[in-house]
Amino acid sequence: MRSIFQHRAPASTTVPAAPTPPAKEPVAFKTRSAFPSRSSYVEYVQATLVSGMRVRMLEDYEQVSAGDEGDFRRSNDGMPPVQ
């Protein structure tokens, strides 16, 4: 005989697995060659970059050499268009 105060075993002892979120695909940024002019590429870069993003210089400019990496700070109106 069972007491009515005993816990009843669930009908199914398997716990459904939580759905896994879809894997994030890496963001592919457009290259300069995807734009008709340098200024349109500059506009794209200024609109796309967010403070804190990791960036790599593609061309030499003053004391910065192509291949140098750093953290994006902000856009400006100078050349290059970012700091």
C-alpha atoms as a PDB file:
ATOM      1  CA  MET A   1       0.000   0.000   0.000  1.00  0.00           C
ATOM      2  CA  ARG A   2       1.164   3.502  -0.697  1.00  0.00           C
ATOM      3  CA  SER A   3       0.482   6.497   1.419  1.00  0.00           C
ATOM      4  CA  ILE A   4      -1.150   9.444  -0.268  1.00  0.00           C
ATOM      5  CA  PHE A   5       1.636  11.596   1.233  1.00  0.00           C
ATOM      6  CA  GLN A   6       4.454   9.958  -0.747  1.00  0.00           C
ATOM      7  CA  HIS A   7       5.777  11.700  -3.837  1.00  0.00           C
ATOM      8  CA  ARG A   8       4.681  10.131  -7.048  1.00  0.00           C
ATOM      9  CA  ALA A   9       7.390   9.485  -9.661  1.00  0.00           C
ATOM     10  CA  PRO A  10       6.876  11.531 -12.831  1.00  0.00           C
ATOM     11  CA  ALA A  11       5.633   9.665 -15.865  1.00  0.00           C
ATOM     12  CA  SER A  12       8.777  10.593 -17.776  1.00  0.00           C
ATOM     13  CA  THR A  13      12.146  10.841 -16.047  1.00  0.00           C
ATOM     14  CA  THR A  14      13.920  12.516 -18.962  1.00  0.00           C
ATOM     15  CA  VAL A  15      14.350  16.250 -18.808  1.00  0.00           C
ATOM     16  CA  PRO A  16      13.888  18.006 -22.125  1.00  0.00           C
ATOM     17  CA  ALA A  17      17.060  19.724 -23.248  1.00  0.00           C
ATOM     18  CA  ALA A  18      16.987  23.493 -23.524  1.00  0.00           C
ATOM     19  CA  PRO A  19      17.099  24.661 -27.122  1.00  0.00           C
ATOM     20  CA  THR A  20      20.549  25.811 -28.139  1.00  0.00           C
ATOM     21  CA  PRO A  21      20.771  29.306 -29.582  1.00  0.00           C
ATOM     22  CA  PRO A  22      21.952  29.516 -33.172  1.00  0.00           C
ATOM     23  CA  ALA A  23      25.697  30.047 -33.531  1.00  0.00           C
ATOM     24  CA  LYS A  24      26.662  33.634 -34.324  1.00  0.00           C
ATOM     25  CA  GLU A  25      28.190  34.056 -37.719  1.00  0.00           C
ATOM     26  CA  PRO A  26      31.212  36.345 -37.888  1.00  0.00           C
ATOM     27  CA  VAL A  27      30.418  39.784 -39.228  1.00  0.00           C
ATOM     28  CA  ALA A  28      32.003  40.341 -42.616  1.00  0.00           C
ATOM     29  CA  PHE A  29      32.821  43.995 -43.183  1.00  0.00           C
ATOM     30  CA  LYS A  30      32.871  45.411 -46.672  1.00  0.00           C
ATOM     31  CA  THR A  31      36.222  46.266 -48.217  1.00  0.00           C
ATOM     32  CA  ARG A  32      37.218  49.470 -49.986  1.00  0.00           C
ATOM     33  CA  SER A  33      36.782  47.741 -53.353  1.00  0.00           C
ATOM     34  CA  ALA A  34      33.024  47.386 -52.661  1.00  0.00           C
ATOM     35  CA  PHE A  35      32.554  51.168 -52.896  1.00  0.00           C
ATOM     36  CA  PRO A  36      32.644  53.487 -55.913  1.00  0.00           C
ATOM     37  CA  SER A  37      34.715  56.134 -54.129  1.00  0.00           C
ATOM     38  CA  ARG A  38      36.996  56.594 -51.147  1.00  0.00           C
ATOM     39  CA  SER A  39      34.523  59.023 -49.552  1.00  0.00           C
ATOM     40  CA  SER A  40      31.667  56.498 -49.701  1.00  0.00           C
ATOM     41  CA  TYR A  41      33.936  53.950 -47.993  1.00  0.00           C
ATOM     42  CA  VAL A  42      34.806  56.539 -45.316  1.00  0.00           C
ATOM     43  CA  GLU A  43      31.085  57.115 -44.685  1.00  0.00           C
ATOM     44  CA  TYR A  44      30.538  53.358 -44.357  1.00  0.00           C
ATOM     45  CA  VAL A  45      33.427  53.008 -41.881  1.00  0.00           C
ATOM     46  CA  GLN A  46      32.191  55.919 -39.784  1.00  0.00           C
ATOM     47  CA  ALA A  47      28.649  54.527 -39.679  1.00  0.00           C
ATOM     48  CA  THR A  48      29.691  50.937 -38.938  1.00  0.00           C
ATOM     49  CA  LEU A  49      32.420  51.161 -36.306  1.00  0.00           C
ATOM     50  CA  VAL A  50      31.469  51.222 -32.626  1.00  0.00           C
ATOM     51  CA  SER A  51      33.708  52.500 -29.831  1.00  0.00           C
ATOM     52  CA  GLY A  52      35.779  49.625 -28.440  1.00  0.00           C
ATOM     53  CA  MET A  53      35.930  47.553 -31.650  1.00  0.00           C
ATOM     54  CA  ARG A  54      39.306  46.061 -32.516  1.00  0.00           C
ATOM     55  CA  VAL A  55      40.621  47.546 -35.780  1.00  0.00           C
ATOM     56  CA  ARG A  56      43.628  47.064 -38.100  1.00  0.00           C
ATOM     57  CA  MET A  57      45.140  49.803 -40.263  1.00  0.00           C
ATOM     58  CA  LEU A  58      45.111  48.977 -43.972  1.00  0.00           C
ATOM     59  CA  GLU A  59      47.364  51.814 -45.169  1.00  0.00           C
ATOM     60  CA  ASP A  60      50.300  53.761 -43.756  1.00  0.00           C
ATOM     61  CA  TYR A  61      49.371  57.171 -42.368  1.00  0.00           C
ATOM     62  CA  GLU A  62      51.810  59.444 -40.490  1.00  0.00           C
ATOM     63  CA  GLN A  63      53.081  57.433 -37.466  1.00  0.00           C
ATOM     64  CA  VAL A  64      50.627  54.553 -38.024  1.00  0.00           C
ATOM     65  CA  SER A  65      51.686  51.713 -40.314  1.00  0.00           C
ATOM     66  CA  ALA A  66      49.580  49.276 -42.310  1.00  0.00           C
ATOM     67  CA  GLY A  67      48.926  46.232 -40.134  1.00  0.00           C
ATOM     68  CA  ASP A  68      48.960  48.143 -36.831  1.00  0.00           C
ATOM     69  CA  GLU A  69      46.058  47.160 -34.568  1.00  0.00           C
ATOM     70  CA  GLY A  70      44.213  49.023 -31.858  1.00  0.00           C
ATOM     71  CA  ASP A  71      40.846  49.853 -30.336  1.00  0.00           C
ATOM     72  CA  PHE A  72      38.504  52.175 -32.204  1.00  0.00           C
ATOM     73  CA  ARG A  73      37.704  55.304 -30.194  1.00  0.00           C
ATOM     74  CA  ARG A  74      35.618  57.622 -32.341  1.00  0.00           C
ATOM     75  CA  SER A  75      35.110  59.050 -35.810  1.00  0.00           C
ATOM     76  CA  ASN A  76      36.312  62.537 -36.669  1.00  0.00           C
ATOM     77  CA  ASP A  77      36.360  64.832 -39.694  1.00  0.00           C
ATOM     78  CA  GLY A  78      40.059  64.382 -40.374  1.00  0.00           C
ATOM     79  CA  MET A  79      42.113  61.969 -42.379  1.00  0.00           C
ATOM     80  CA  PRO A  80      42.091  59.172 -41.448  1.00  0.00           C
ATOM     81  CA  PRO A  81      38.434  59.472 -40.429  1.00  0.00           C
ATOM     82  CA  VAL A  82      38.862  57.617 -37.129  1.00  0.00           C
ATOM     83  CA  GLN A  83      41.020  57.584 -34.007  1.00  0.00           C
END
